């Protein structure tokens, strides 16, 4: 599939006659058309035996990013709610502090709750996923298997 990208190039300004106070009128602009190829995304390549480790690292990174977004959402939500309470009534930020904190925490936890899934999703589909599952099975106690 190709995309067409148009690049508009302004024409050279035309010198106006000295007696005319108005700027010149541009009648047309030149247009150059470029085609941009959009193909499939390249497949990641790994050295022998290192694919599993890199998939594990990518899963950990993605899950930490999601958890961080959740924490950031919690604090920004708390800040907004606290400011709103402070504007509404005297000592409002202190009076509504627990309510503001719990509501902000619930919104942040909705986002951060996806972190374990982000970690496991990357592991279960990558190379060596069977090896990772067997290792986890070995490390868990028998009642939890």
Protein backbone atom coordinates (compact mmCIF):
# COMPACT_ATOMS: atom_id res chain seq x y z
CA UNK A 1 0.00 0.00 0.00
CA UNK A 2 1.35 3.41 -0.84
CA UNK A 3 0.46 6.77 0.57
CA UNK A 4 0.62 9.98 -1.39
CA UNK A 5 2.20 12.91 0.36
CA UNK A 6 1.84 16.38 -1.16
CA UNK A 7 4.51 18.93 -0.44
CA UNK A 8 3.52 22.50 -1.27
CA UNK A 9 6.37 24.70 -2.35
CA UNK A 10 5.79 28.46 -2.35
CA UNK A 11 6.54 30.26 -5.57
CA UNK A 12 9.12 32.99 -5.85
CA UNK A 13 7.76 36.35 -4.69
CA UNK A 14 7.12 38.74 -7.51
CA UNK A 15 8.40 42.29 -7.09
CA UNK A 16 5.56 44.75 -6.93
CA UNK A 17 5.69 47.97 -8.88
CA UNK A 18 6.96 50.87 -6.82
CA UNK A 19 3.77 52.90 -7.26
CA UNK A 20 1.49 50.10 -5.94
CA UNK A 21 1.01 50.03 -2.13
CA UNK A 22 -0.63 46.55 -2.18
CA UNK A 23 1.36 43.29 -2.04
CA UNK A 24 1.41 41.12 -5.16
CA UNK A 25 -1.18 38.35 -5.60
CA UNK A 26 0.13 34.78 -5.92
CA UNK A 27 -1.80 33.06 -8.67
CA UNK A 28 -0.64 29.46 -8.10
CA UNK A 29 1.73 27.29 -6.10
CA UNK A 30 3.78 24.41 -7.37
CA UNK A 31 2.96 20.99 -5.87
CA UNK A 32 5.39 18.07 -5.70
CA UNK A 33 3.89 14.62 -5.00
CA UNK A 34 5.86 11.96 -3.13
CA UNK A 35 4.88 8.34 -2.58
CA UNK A 36 5.68 6.81 0.79
CA UNK A 37 5.77 3.03 1.10
CA UNK A 38 4.11 1.52 4.14
CA UNK A 39 4.94 -2.14 4.45
CA UNK A 40 4.87 -4.74 7.16
CA UNK A 41 6.71 -4.14 10.39
CA UNK A 42 10.07 -5.89 10.47
CA UNK A 43 10.31 -8.96 12.68
CA UNK A 44 12.63 -8.73 15.69
CA UNK A 45 15.73 -10.87 15.40
CA UNK A 46 17.66 -12.36 18.28
CA UNK A 47 20.94 -14.17 18.82
CA UNK A 48 20.61 -17.87 19.53
CA UNK A 49 19.22 -18.45 23.01
CA UNK A 50 18.64 -14.77 23.83
CA UNK A 51 15.10 -14.37 22.48
CA UNK A 52 13.45 -15.48 25.72
CA UNK A 53 15.46 -13.07 27.82
CA UNK A 54 14.63 -10.18 25.52
CA UNK A 55 10.92 -11.05 25.52
CA UNK A 56 11.05 -11.18 29.32
CA UNK A 57 12.76 -7.78 29.43
CA UNK A 58 10.19 -6.28 27.05
CA UNK A 59 7.33 -7.64 29.18
CA UNK A 60 8.83 -6.23 32.38
CA UNK A 61 9.36 -2.85 30.72
CA UNK A 62 5.82 -2.70 29.38
CA UNK A 63 4.29 -3.68 32.73
CA UNK A 64 6.40 -1.13 34.62
CA UNK A 65 5.35 1.55 32.15
CA UNK A 66 1.69 0.70 32.76
CA UNK A 67 2.16 0.73 36.54
CA UNK A 68 3.91 4.11 36.30
CA UNK A 69 1.04 5.53 34.24
CA UNK A 70 -1.35 4.37 36.96
CA UNK A 71 0.66 6.06 39.71
CA UNK A 72 0.90 9.26 37.67
CA UNK A 73 -2.86 9.20 37.09
CA UNK A 74 -3.44 8.75 40.84
CA UNK A 75 -1.39 11.79 41.80
CA UNK A 76 -2.75 14.05 39.06
CA UNK A 77 -6.33 13.06 39.95
CA UNK A 78 -5.66 13.68 43.65
CA UNK A 79 -4.14 17.07 42.89
CA UNK A 80 -7.15 18.10 40.78
CA UNK A 81 -9.66 16.93 43.42
CA UNK A 82 -7.71 18.59 46.24
CA UNK A 83 -7.57 21.90 44.40
CA UNK A 84 -11.29 21.72 43.67
CA UNK A 85 -12.08 21.00 47.35
CA UNK A 86 -9.86 23.87 48.48
CA UNK A 87 -11.68 26.30 46.18
CA UNK A 88 -15.15 25.14 47.25
CA UNK A 89 -14.91 25.49 51.04
CA UNK A 90 -12.59 26.54 53.84
CA UNK A 91 -10.06 23.80 54.66
CA UNK A 92 -11.70 21.76 51.93
CA UNK A 93 -8.48 20.00 50.96
CA UNK A 94 -8.07 18.69 54.52
CA UNK A 95 -11.75 17.89 55.09
CA UNK A 96 -12.11 15.94 51.84
CA UNK A 97 -8.57 14.52 51.88
CA UNK A 98 -9.49 10.87 52.49
CA UNK A 99 -12.33 10.92 49.97
CA UNK A 100 -10.15 12.63 47.36
CA UNK A 101 -7.31 10.19 47.94
CA UNK A 102 -9.47 7.06 47.70
CA UNK A 103 -11.24 8.21 44.54
CA UNK A 104 -7.92 9.14 42.93
CA UNK A 105 -6.42 5.82 43.97
CA UNK A 106 -9.30 3.88 42.45
CA UNK A 107 -8.83 5.66 39.11
CA UNK A 108 -5.10 5.05 39.16
CA UNK A 109 -5.51 1.38 40.08
CA UNK A 110 -7.76 0.85 37.05
CA UNK A 111 -4.80 1.71 34.85
CA UNK A 112 -2.10 0.04 36.97
CA UNK A 113 -4.19 -3.12 37.21
CA UNK A 114 -3.30 -3.94 33.62
CA UNK A 115 0.42 -4.26 34.46
CA UNK A 116 0.46 -8.01 35.25
CA UNK A 117 -1.40 -8.78 32.05
CA UNK A 118 1.07 -6.70 30.02
CA UNK A 119 3.89 -8.76 31.51
CA UNK A 120 2.31 -12.16 30.88
CA UNK A 121 0.98 -11.28 27.41
CA UNK A 122 4.49 -10.75 26.09
CA UNK A 123 5.83 -13.93 27.69
CA UNK A 124 3.10 -16.29 26.59
CA UNK A 125 3.54 -15.57 22.89
CA UNK A 126 7.31 -15.27 22.55
CA UNK A 127 9.99 -17.85 21.92
CA UNK A 128 10.75 -19.99 24.93
CA UNK A 129 7.32 -19.45 26.46
CA UNK A 130 7.07 -23.15 27.22
CA UNK A 131 10.36 -22.98 29.11
CA UNK A 132 9.11 -20.02 31.17
CA UNK A 133 5.84 -21.81 32.01
CA UNK A 134 7.73 -24.92 33.14
CA UNK A 135 10.05 -22.82 35.33
CA UNK A 136 7.09 -21.07 36.97
CA UNK A 137 5.43 -24.44 37.53
CA UNK A 138 8.54 -25.72 39.26
CA UNK A 139 8.78 -22.69 41.54
CA UNK A 140 5.13 -22.69 42.68
CA UNK A 141 4.18 -24.89 45.62
CA UNK A 142 1.97 -27.94 44.84
CA UNK A 143 -1.32 -26.57 46.26
CA UNK A 144 -1.12 -23.53 43.93
CA UNK A 145 -0.36 -25.45 40.72
